[in-house]
Amino acid sequence: MLDAKWVREHADEVRDAAKRKRMDPEVVDGFLENDRNHRLVLQQVEGLRADLKASSSELGKMSSEERKVALGVQRSKKAELKELEQQEHELRVVVKDFAMRLPMPPAADVPDGLDDGGNVELSVSGPIPEKDFEIQTHDDLGEKIGVIDIKRGVKIAGSRNYLLLGDAARLERAVLNLALDHMMKRGFEMVSVPTLVNRACMEGTGYFPGGEEQAYLAERDDLALVGTSEVPLTSIHSGETLDFHNLPVRRVALSPCYRREAGTYGKDTKGLYRVHQFWKVEQVVLGPSDEAWSLEEHKRMLGHATDLMNLLELPYRVVNVCTGDLGQGQVQKFDIETWMPSRGAYGETHSASRFHDFQTRRLNLRYRPEGKGKPQFCHSLNNTVIASPRVLIALMENHQLADGTIYVPEVLRPYLGGDTVLRGNA
């Protein structure tokens, strides 16, 4: 959500942001028109309330005949006030709905583009592996050595579901535990979070309205399964005012994540790239309202993830995500895309985003600056540390050996009982 006064003063900038993010710019005009009408009606409500209060204080000074006339006028004004209050309430709801759909303008160095094809490569790390044998896809290899079973996963839960068995399940757990340890060594507090959350959390972090089709809803209780632990992590201090000396807040969580993948019918149907349920370690940071600080923290968070990818000995690249591929609230996003031989291309495995006060304004999450300054909205940022099973695709394919075994990077061996290769169950 954006500051209403700022939107009124920078309407053209917000319209431009909507166009560049492939959103409807008319939402800006809808907000401005209804906001103007709401403020006019609110002014009438406040004026009439003040008039009624003033006239009530004069009743005791009137004769009985004057009081009778004045009470009649008051009844008429109270009826008018009731109608105006209802009108003000209805307009306030409409204004909020438009406000919740306004886009955050992107940073100056975000490239323009229609979709992910417009993302700009910033760096490349690690050579694409050259093998003297034909690399098997992760799903073919996993089935052959008995560690991935997609057919039975589909039998249990429908399309885009899977089972990890034996060494694949061990490898997944090893990577997730490594990621948590990696972040805690860097000063992040580990949190175990709910993954079934209320609507206020989904709205506060910007997933609703607009993302309902992608979420699994528990409609009877008006709850939703999260697609990322960003949602509960960012919402922890909603409605609170933090002390400046307690910032930044740096937290990490491991959680299952759920996504309906609506609109992706027929896309990435083979293997484990696009699934309904997966595990993810997510990092979230809350800090001061300082653009320079946010930019530096954004780069630092990206570094936590790229350092982990280097430890896993995986080839990847970092891209600056273009305007057409940015979300409503993102000021800027850097994606890490990891090389996946089965795709013959880099595939997205991480997204690092900064939001300024877009999420915290919706969550009413503030901090009190040093001294006696007025409370300000925090800045929020988040980034994937690791997500599975996409990281398993990269590990199984890039580290595949000629005999069908899988090389284990040194950093993972302590989590796998010292194993240097995984042979599966076949």
Protein backbone atom coordinates (compact mmCIF):
# COMPACT_ATOMS: atom_id res chain seq x y z
CA MET A 1 0.00 0.00 0.00
CA LEU A 2 1.20 3.50 -0.79
CA ASP A 3 0.82 6.68 1.22
CA ALA A 4 -2.43 8.32 0.02
CA LYS A 5 -1.05 11.87 0.16
CA TRP A 6 2.01 10.79 -1.84
CA VAL A 7 -0.21 9.16 -4.47
CA ARG A 8 -2.25 12.37 -4.86
CA GLU A 9 0.95 14.34 -5.40
CA HIS A 10 2.63 11.76 -7.69
CA ALA A 11 -0.30 10.30 -9.61
CA ASP A 12 1.56 10.26 -12.94
CA GLU A 13 4.44 8.32 -11.38
CA VAL A 14 2.03 5.70 -10.05
CA ARG A 15 0.25 5.46 -13.42
CA ASP A 16 3.61 4.94 -15.09
CA ALA A 17 4.47 2.23 -12.55
CA ALA A 18 1.20 0.45 -13.35
CA LYS A 19 1.91 0.51 -17.09
CA ARG A 20 5.48 -0.70 -16.65
CA LYS A 21 4.36 -3.52 -14.35
CA ARG A 22 1.64 -4.55 -16.81
CA MET A 23 -1.13 -3.53 -14.42
CA ASP A 24 -4.26 -1.52 -15.18
CA PRO A 25 -3.39 2.21 -14.81
CA GLU A 26 -7.09 2.98 -14.35
CA VAL A 27 -6.77 1.73 -10.78
CA VAL A 28 -4.93 4.99 -10.05
CA ASP A 29 -7.76 7.12 -11.44
CA GLY A 30 -10.28 4.99 -9.56
CA PHE A 31 -8.39 5.58 -6.34
CA LEU A 32 -8.09 9.35 -6.89
CA GLU A 33 -11.75 9.83 -7.75
CA ASN A 34 -13.10 7.80 -4.84
CA ASP A 35 -10.53 9.24 -2.44
CA ARG A 36 -11.65 12.76 -3.44
CA ASN A 37 -15.32 11.87 -2.93
CA HIS A 38 -14.57 10.20 0.40
CA ARG A 39 -12.71 13.22 1.74
CA LEU A 40 -15.59 15.52 0.73
CA VAL A 41 -18.17 13.35 2.47
CA LEU A 42 -15.93 12.95 5.52
CA GLN A 43 -15.63 16.73 5.71
CA GLN A 44 -19.44 16.99 5.68
CA VAL A 45 -19.74 14.32 8.40
CA GLU A 46 -17.24 16.07 10.65
CA GLY A 47 -18.88 19.45 10.05
CA LEU A 48 -22.35 18.13 10.88
CA ARG A 49 -21.06 16.38 14.02
CA ALA A 50 -19.47 19.63 15.18
CA ASP A 51 -22.69 21.54 14.43
CA LEU A 52 -24.79 19.05 16.42
CA LYS A 53 -22.40 19.20 19.35
CA ALA A 54 -22.47 23.00 19.38
CA SER A 55 -26.27 23.19 19.11
CA SER A 56 -26.70 20.64 21.95
CA SER A 57 -24.72 22.85 24.30
CA GLU A 58 -27.16 25.72 23.61
CA LEU A 59 -30.31 23.78 24.46
CA GLY A 60 -30.11 24.60 28.18
CA LYS A 61 -30.21 28.32 27.47
CA MET A 62 -33.43 28.17 25.44
CA SER A 63 -37.04 28.61 26.39
CA SER A 64 -39.27 25.53 26.12
CA GLU A 65 -40.71 26.76 22.83
CA GLU A 66 -37.24 27.46 21.36
CA ARG A 67 -35.98 24.09 22.61
CA LYS A 68 -38.87 22.32 20.90
CA VAL A 69 -37.97 23.88 17.56
CA ALA A 70 -34.23 23.22 18.07
CA LEU A 71 -34.83 19.55 18.90
CA GLY A 72 -36.80 19.16 15.69
CA VAL A 73 -33.90 20.63 13.72
CA GLN A 74 -31.51 18.29 15.55
CA ARG A 75 -33.57 15.23 14.66
CA SER A 76 -33.45 16.22 11.02
CA LYS A 77 -29.69 16.78 11.18
CA LYS A 78 -29.12 13.45 12.94
CA ALA A 79 -31.01 11.66 10.19
CA GLU A 80 -28.88 13.48 7.62
CA LEU A 81 -25.74 12.54 9.58
CA LYS A 82 -26.71 8.89 9.66
CA GLU A 83 -27.04 8.85 5.88
CA LEU A 84 -23.73 10.65 5.43
CA GLU A 85 -21.97 8.25 7.81
CA GLN A 86 -23.22 5.29 5.80
CA GLN A 87 -22.04 6.96 2.60
CA GLU A 88 -18.65 7.70 4.18
CA HIS A 89 -18.28 4.07 5.29
CA GLU A 90 -19.12 2.73 1.83
CA LEU A 91 -16.67 5.11 0.15
CA ARG A 92 -13.94 4.21 2.68
CA VAL A 93 -14.30 0.54 1.74
CA VAL A 94 -14.05 1.36 -1.98
CA VAL A 95 -11.01 3.61 -1.45
CA LYS A 96 -9.25 0.86 0.51
CA ASP A 97 -9.96 -1.65 -2.25
CA PHE A 98 -8.37 0.64 -4.85
CA ALA A 99 -5.48 1.49 -2.51
CA MET A 100 -4.71 -2.21 -2.03
CA ARG A 101 -4.22 -2.53 -5.80
CA LEU A 102 -1.88 0.41 -6.36
CA PRO A 103 1.62 -0.57 -7.57
CA MET A 104 4.88 0.36 -5.88
CA PRO A 105 7.03 2.25 -8.43
CA PRO A 106 10.16 0.28 -9.42
CA ALA A 107 13.69 1.48 -8.69
CA ALA A 108 15.44 3.57 -11.32
CA ASP A 109 17.78 0.75 -12.39
CA VAL A 110 15.02 -1.82 -12.96
CA PRO A 111 15.00 -2.64 -16.70
CA ASP A 112 11.84 -2.29 -18.74
CA GLY A 113 10.41 -5.49 -20.19
CA LEU A 114 7.18 -7.36 -20.81
CA ASP A 115 8.06 -10.65 -19.11
CA ASP A 116 11.00 -12.71 -17.85
CA GLY A 117 12.53 -12.48 -21.32
CA GLY A 118 13.35 -8.88 -20.44
CA ASN A 119 15.38 -9.76 -17.34
CA VAL A 120 18.97 -8.56 -17.51
CA GLU A 121 21.89 -10.82 -16.62
CA LEU A 122 24.15 -9.28 -13.97
CA SER A 123 26.63 -12.07 -13.28
CA VAL A 124 27.40 -15.71 -14.05
CA SER A 125 29.06 -18.10 -11.61
CA GLY A 126 30.56 -21.48 -12.38
CA PRO A 127 31.01 -23.18 -15.75
CA ILE A 128 28.21 -25.24 -17.24
CA PRO A 129 29.35 -28.84 -16.69
CA GLU A 130 30.57 -30.80 -19.68
CA LYS A 131 30.12 -34.56 -19.34
CA ASP A 132 31.49 -37.34 -21.49
CA PHE A 133 28.20 -39.20 -21.10
CA GLU A 134 24.55 -38.33 -21.69
CA ILE A 135 23.09 -36.69 -18.61
CA GLN A 136 19.86 -38.28 -17.42
CA THR A 137 17.05 -35.99 -16.31
CA HIS A 138 16.51 -35.86 -12.55
CA ASP A 139 13.18 -37.66 -12.80
CA ASP A 140 14.50 -40.41 -15.06
CA LEU A 141 17.57 -40.90 -12.89
CA GLY A 142 15.51 -40.70 -9.70
CA GLU A 143 13.10 -43.34 -10.93
CA LYS A 144 15.94 -45.56 -12.16
CA ILE A 145 17.74 -45.59 -8.81
CA GLY A 146 14.52 -45.69 -6.81
CA VAL A 147 14.55 -42.29 -5.09
CA ILE A 148 11.82 -40.34 -6.93
CA ASP A 149 8.29 -41.68 -7.49
CA ILE A 150 6.06 -39.24 -9.31
CA LYS A 151 3.38 -41.76 -10.33
CA ARG A 152 2.55 -42.72 -6.75
CA GLY A 153 2.72 -39.07 -5.66
CA VAL A 154 0.09 -38.29 -8.28
CA LYS A 155 -1.96 -41.29 -7.15
CA ILE A 156 -2.02 -39.91 -3.60
CA ALA A 157 -2.52 -36.20 -4.25
CA GLY A 158 -3.12 -35.51 -7.94
CA SER A 159 -0.99 -33.86 -10.62
CA ARG A 160 2.24 -32.00 -9.77
CA ASN A 161 2.85 -34.13 -6.69
CA TYR A 162 5.68 -36.57 -5.99
CA LEU A 163 7.44 -38.79 -3.48
CA LEU A 164 11.10 -38.52 -2.50
CA LEU A 165 12.49 -41.80 -1.20
CA GLY A 166 15.70 -42.79 0.54
CA ASP A 167 18.69 -40.82 -0.73
CA ALA A 168 16.57 -38.11 -2.41
CA ALA A 169 14.73 -37.44 0.85
CA ARG A 170 18.05 -37.48 2.74
CA LEU A 171 19.57 -35.07 0.24
CA GLU A 172 16.61 -32.71 0.53
CA ARG A 173 16.81 -32.67 4.32
CA ALA A 174 20.58 -32.19 4.20
CA VAL A 175 20.29 -29.13 1.96
CA LEU A 176 17.55 -27.59 4.11
CA ASN A 177 19.52 -28.12 7.32
CA LEU A 178 22.64 -26.69 5.70
CA ALA A 179 20.69 -23.61 4.64
CA LEU A 180 19.39 -23.02 8.18
CA ASP A 181 22.85 -23.41 9.70
CA HIS A 182 24.27 -21.13 7.00
CA MET A 183 21.85 -18.33 7.95
CA MET A 184 22.10 -18.74 11.72
CA LYS A 185 25.87 -18.39 11.46
CA ARG A 186 25.17 -15.04 9.80
CA GLY A 187 23.10 -13.75 12.69
CA PHE A 188 19.59 -14.71 11.60
CA GLU A 189 17.13 -15.91 14.23
CA MET A 190 15.40 -19.15 13.32
CA VAL A 191 11.60 -19.11 13.71
CA SER A 192 9.05 -21.89 13.41
CA VAL A 193 5.99 -20.27 11.83
CA PRO A 194 2.36 -21.15 11.11
CA THR A 195 1.75 -22.04 7.48
CA LEU A 196 -2.03 -21.67 7.70
CA VAL A 197 -2.64 -17.94 8.18
CA ASN A 198 -5.48 -15.45 8.28
CA ARG A 199 -6.50 -13.07 5.51
CA ALA A 200 -4.86 -10.09 7.22
CA CYS A 201 -1.43 -11.71 6.76
CA MET A 202 -2.06 -12.43 3.08
CA GLU A 203 -3.34 -8.91 2.49
CA GLY A 204 -0.59 -7.36 4.56
CA THR A 205 2.20 -8.99 2.57
CA GLY A 206 0.54 -8.18 -0.76
CA TYR A 207 -0.62 -11.65 -1.84
CA PHE A 208 -4.30 -10.66 -1.51
CA PRO A 209 -6.16 -9.15 -3.26
CA GLY A 210 -5.11 -10.50 -6.62
CA GLY A 211 -3.41 -13.76 -5.67
CA GLU A 212 -6.37 -15.73 -4.37
CA GLU A 213 -6.33 -18.07 -7.38
CA GLN A 214 -2.78 -19.19 -6.52
CA ALA A 215 -3.56 -19.99 -2.87
CA TYR A 216 -5.13 -23.02 -1.26
CA LEU A 217 -7.95 -21.65 0.90
CA ALA A 218 -9.50 -23.12 4.04
CA GLU A 219 -12.68 -21.17 3.36
CA ARG A 220 -14.67 -22.39 6.35
CA ASP A 221 -12.15 -20.72 8.66
CA ASP A 222 -11.13 -17.90 6.26
CA LEU A 223 -7.51 -19.10 6.33
CA ALA A 224 -4.97 -19.76 3.59
CA LEU A 225 -1.97 -22.06 3.20
CA VAL A 226 1.11 -19.94 2.51
CA GLY A 227 3.17 -20.14 -0.64
CA THR A 228 6.20 -18.92 1.30
CA SER A 229 7.11 -18.35 4.96
CA GLU A 230 7.69 -14.71 3.96
CA VAL A 231 4.02 -14.23 4.83
CA PRO A 232 4.09 -15.22 8.54
CA LEU A 233 7.67 -13.97 9.08
CA THR A 234 6.84 -10.47 7.81
CA SER A 235 3.54 -10.42 9.71
CA ILE A 236 4.96 -11.23 13.16
CA HIS A 237 5.06 -7.58 14.28
CA SER A 238 1.96 -6.36 12.44
CA GLY A 239 0.22 -3.58 14.34
CA GLU A 240 3.32 -2.96 16.48
CA THR A 241 5.80 -0.12 16.86
CA LEU A 242 9.36 -1.42 17.23
CA ASP A 243 12.20 0.39 18.91
CA PHE A 244 14.89 1.74 16.58
CA HIS A 245 17.59 0.01 18.62
CA ASN A 246 16.00 -3.39 17.88
CA LEU A 247 16.39 -2.94 14.12
CA PRO A 248 17.18 -4.60 11.85
CA VAL A 249 15.20 -7.74 12.62
CA ARG A 250 16.72 -10.66 10.68
CA ARG A 251 14.85 -13.96 10.71
CA VAL A 252 14.84 -17.25 8.83
CA ALA A 253 12.26 -20.03 8.63
CA LEU A 254 11.91 -23.48 7.12
CA SER A 255 8.39 -24.31 6.03
CA PRO A 256 6.34 -26.33 3.61
CA CYS A 257 4.89 -24.11 0.88
CA TYR A 258 1.74 -24.60 -1.19
CA ARG A 259 0.88 -23.13 -4.59
CA ARG A 260 -1.99 -23.98 -6.90
CA GLU A 261 0.03 -22.96 -9.99
CA ALA A 262 -3.18 -21.70 -11.58
CA GLY A 263 -2.66 -20.61 -15.17
CA THR A 264 0.27 -22.97 -15.78
CA TYR A 265 -1.68 -25.84 -17.35
CA GLY A 266 0.60 -27.66 -19.78
CA LYS A 267 3.70 -25.80 -18.59
CA ASP A 268 6.64 -27.62 -16.95
CA THR A 269 4.57 -30.77 -16.50
CA LYS A 270 7.52 -33.19 -16.48
CA GLY A 271 9.67 -33.66 -13.40
CA LEU A 272 9.86 -31.61 -10.23
CA TYR A 273 10.23 -28.06 -11.52
CA ARG A 274 6.66 -26.83 -10.97
CA VAL A 275 4.88 -28.60 -8.11
CA HIS A 276 2.08 -27.86 -5.66
CA GLN A 277 4.00 -28.52 -2.43
CA PHE A 278 7.65 -27.94 -1.63
CA TRP A 279 10.03 -26.96 1.16
CA LYS A 280 11.75 -23.61 1.40
CA VAL A 281 14.13 -21.80 3.72
CA GLU A 282 13.27 -18.08 3.59
CA GLN A 283 15.05 -15.04 4.96
CA VAL A 284 13.15 -11.87 5.96
CA VAL A 285 14.59 -8.59 7.20
CA LEU A 286 12.81 -5.58 8.72
CA GLY A 287 14.75 -2.34 8.98
CA PRO A 288 14.55 1.45 9.07
CA SER A 289 12.92 3.65 6.46
CA ASP A 290 16.19 4.33 4.67
CA GLU A 291 16.52 3.72 0.94
CA ALA A 292 20.32 3.46 1.01
CA TRP A 293 20.16 0.94 3.86
CA SER A 294 17.52 -1.10 2.00
CA LEU A 295 19.64 -1.28 -1.14
CA GLU A 296 22.69 -2.48 0.78
CA GLU A 297 20.64 -5.01 2.74
CA HIS A 298 19.14 -6.28 -0.49
CA LYS A 299 22.61 -6.98 -1.89
CA ARG A 300 23.68 -8.57 1.41
CA MET A 301 20.65 -10.93 1.39
CA LEU A 302 21.39 -11.89 -2.20
CA GLY A 303 24.95 -12.66 -1.10
CA HIS A 304 23.74 -15.08 1.57
CA ALA A 305 22.05 -17.13 -1.15
CA THR A 306 24.85 -16.95 -3.75
CA ASP A 307 27.40 -17.96 -1.11
CA LEU A 308 25.31 -21.05 -0.40
CA MET A 309 25.08 -21.89 -4.09
CA ASN A 310 28.87 -21.64 -4.32
CA LEU A 311 29.18 -24.08 -1.42
CA LEU A 312 26.88 -26.47 -3.29
CA GLU A 313 29.18 -26.16 -6.32
CA LEU A 314 26.32 -25.29 -8.65
CA PRO A 315 26.50 -23.07 -11.75
CA TYR A 316 24.10 -20.13 -11.66
CA ARG A 317 23.49 -16.60 -12.82
CA VAL A 318 21.93 -13.52 -11.21
CA VAL A 319 19.40 -11.42 -13.14
CA ASN A 320 17.88 -8.00 -12.54
CA VAL A 321 14.16 -8.67 -12.96
CA CYS A 322 12.40 -6.38 -15.44
CA THR A 323 9.28 -4.30 -14.76
CA GLY A 324 6.88 -6.70 -16.47
CA ASP A 325 8.08 -9.56 -14.26
CA LEU A 326 7.91 -7.60 -10.99
CA GLY A 327 5.14 -8.03 -8.45
CA GLN A 328 2.81 -5.25 -7.38
CA GLY A 329 4.77 -4.32 -4.27
CA GLN A 330 8.35 -5.00 -5.31
CA VAL A 331 10.70 -2.05 -5.71
CA GLN A 332 13.33 -4.36 -7.19
CA LYS A 333 13.96 -8.08 -7.47
CA PHE A 334 17.08 -10.10 -8.21
CA ASP A 335 16.60 -13.72 -9.24
CA ILE A 336 19.15 -16.49 -9.00
CA GLU A 337 18.74 -18.93 -11.88
CA THR A 338 20.57 -22.24 -11.61
CA TRP A 339 21.71 -24.30 -14.58
CA MET A 340 19.50 -27.35 -15.14
CA PRO A 341 20.74 -29.71 -17.89
CA SER A 342 17.31 -31.28 -18.41
CA ARG A 343 15.94 -27.85 -19.34
CA GLY A 344 19.01 -26.87 -21.33
CA ALA A 345 18.72 -23.54 -19.58
CA TYR A 346 18.94 -21.70 -16.29
CA GLY A 347 15.86 -22.14 -14.08
CA GLU A 348 14.73 -19.76 -11.34
CA THR A 349 15.61 -21.05 -7.87
CA HIS A 350 15.71 -17.84 -5.75
CA SER A 351 14.02 -14.44 -5.66
CA ALA A 352 15.41 -11.56 -3.58
CA SER A 353 13.00 -8.62 -3.19
CA ARG A 354 12.82 -5.30 -1.44
CA PHE A 355 9.52 -3.51 -0.82
CA HIS A 356 10.34 -0.30 1.06
CA ASP A 357 7.17 0.34 3.14
CA PHE A 358 4.69 -1.36 0.78
CA GLN A 359 4.11 -4.37 3.05
CA THR A 360 4.62 -2.66 6.40
CA ARG A 361 2.11 0.09 5.63
CA ARG A 362 -0.48 -2.61 4.95
CA LEU A 363 0.58 -4.41 8.14
CA ASN A 364 0.77 -1.17 10.18
CA LEU A 365 4.28 -2.17 11.23
CA ARG A 366 6.30 0.83 12.44
CA TYR A 367 9.39 1.73 14.40
CA ARG A 368 10.18 4.66 16.66
CA PRO A 369 13.26 6.57 15.40
CA GLU A 370 16.01 7.77 17.69
CA GLY A 371 15.03 10.79 19.72
CA LYS A 372 11.42 11.96 19.71
CA GLY A 373 10.63 11.51 16.03
CA LYS A 374 7.25 10.41 14.75
CA PRO A 375 6.91 6.61 14.26
CA GLN A 376 7.72 5.55 10.71
CA PHE A 377 6.93 2.45 8.68
CA CYS A 378 9.73 -0.12 8.51
CA HIS A 379 11.24 -1.32 5.25
CA SER A 380 10.87 -5.04 4.50
CA LEU A 381 12.96 -7.39 2.36
CA ASN A 382 12.98 -11.12 1.70
CA ASN A 383 14.94 -13.73 -0.22
CA THR A 384 14.97 -17.46 -0.75
CA VAL A 385 17.86 -19.21 0.96
CA ILE A 386 17.08 -22.53 -0.71
CA ALA A 387 13.99 -24.20 -2.14
CA SER A 388 13.39 -27.86 -2.81
CA PRO A 389 12.82 -29.72 -5.07
CA ARG A 390 14.27 -27.24 -7.59
CA VAL A 391 17.65 -27.41 -5.90
CA LEU A 392 17.44 -31.22 -6.14
CA ILE A 393 17.03 -30.92 -9.90
CA ALA A 394 20.27 -28.94 -10.08
CA LEU A 395 22.15 -31.19 -7.66
CA MET A 396 21.08 -34.48 -9.26
CA GLU A 397 21.74 -33.34 -12.81
CA ASN A 398 24.89 -31.21 -12.46
CA HIS A 399 26.54 -33.62 -10.00
CA GLN A 400 25.52 -36.78 -11.83
CA LEU A 401 28.30 -39.32 -12.45
CA ALA A 402 28.68 -41.74 -15.37
CA ASP A 403 27.57 -44.75 -13.32
CA GLY A 404 24.30 -43.10 -12.29
CA THR A 405 25.45 -42.13 -8.81
CA ILE A 406 25.37 -38.54 -7.55
CA TYR A 407 28.42 -36.67 -6.30
CA VAL A 408 27.91 -35.06 -2.89
CA PRO A 409 29.50 -31.60 -2.45
CA GLU A 410 31.86 -31.48 0.51
CA VAL A 411 29.68 -29.06 2.46
CA LEU A 412 26.79 -31.56 2.50
CA ARG A 413 28.74 -34.61 3.62
CA PRO A 414 28.46 -33.97 7.38
CA TYR A 415 24.65 -33.95 6.94
CA LEU A 416 24.74 -37.26 5.05
CA GLY A 417 26.83 -39.38 7.38
CA GLY A 418 30.01 -38.65 5.45
CA ASP A 419 28.71 -40.03 2.12
CA THR A 420 30.64 -38.75 -0.88
CA VAL A 421 28.21 -40.19 -3.43
CA LEU A 422 24.54 -41.19 -3.33
CA ARG A 423 23.67 -44.48 -5.00
CA GLY A 424 19.94 -44.73 -4.40
CA ASN A 425 17.90 -47.82 -3.64
CA ALA A 426 18.02 -49.69 -6.95
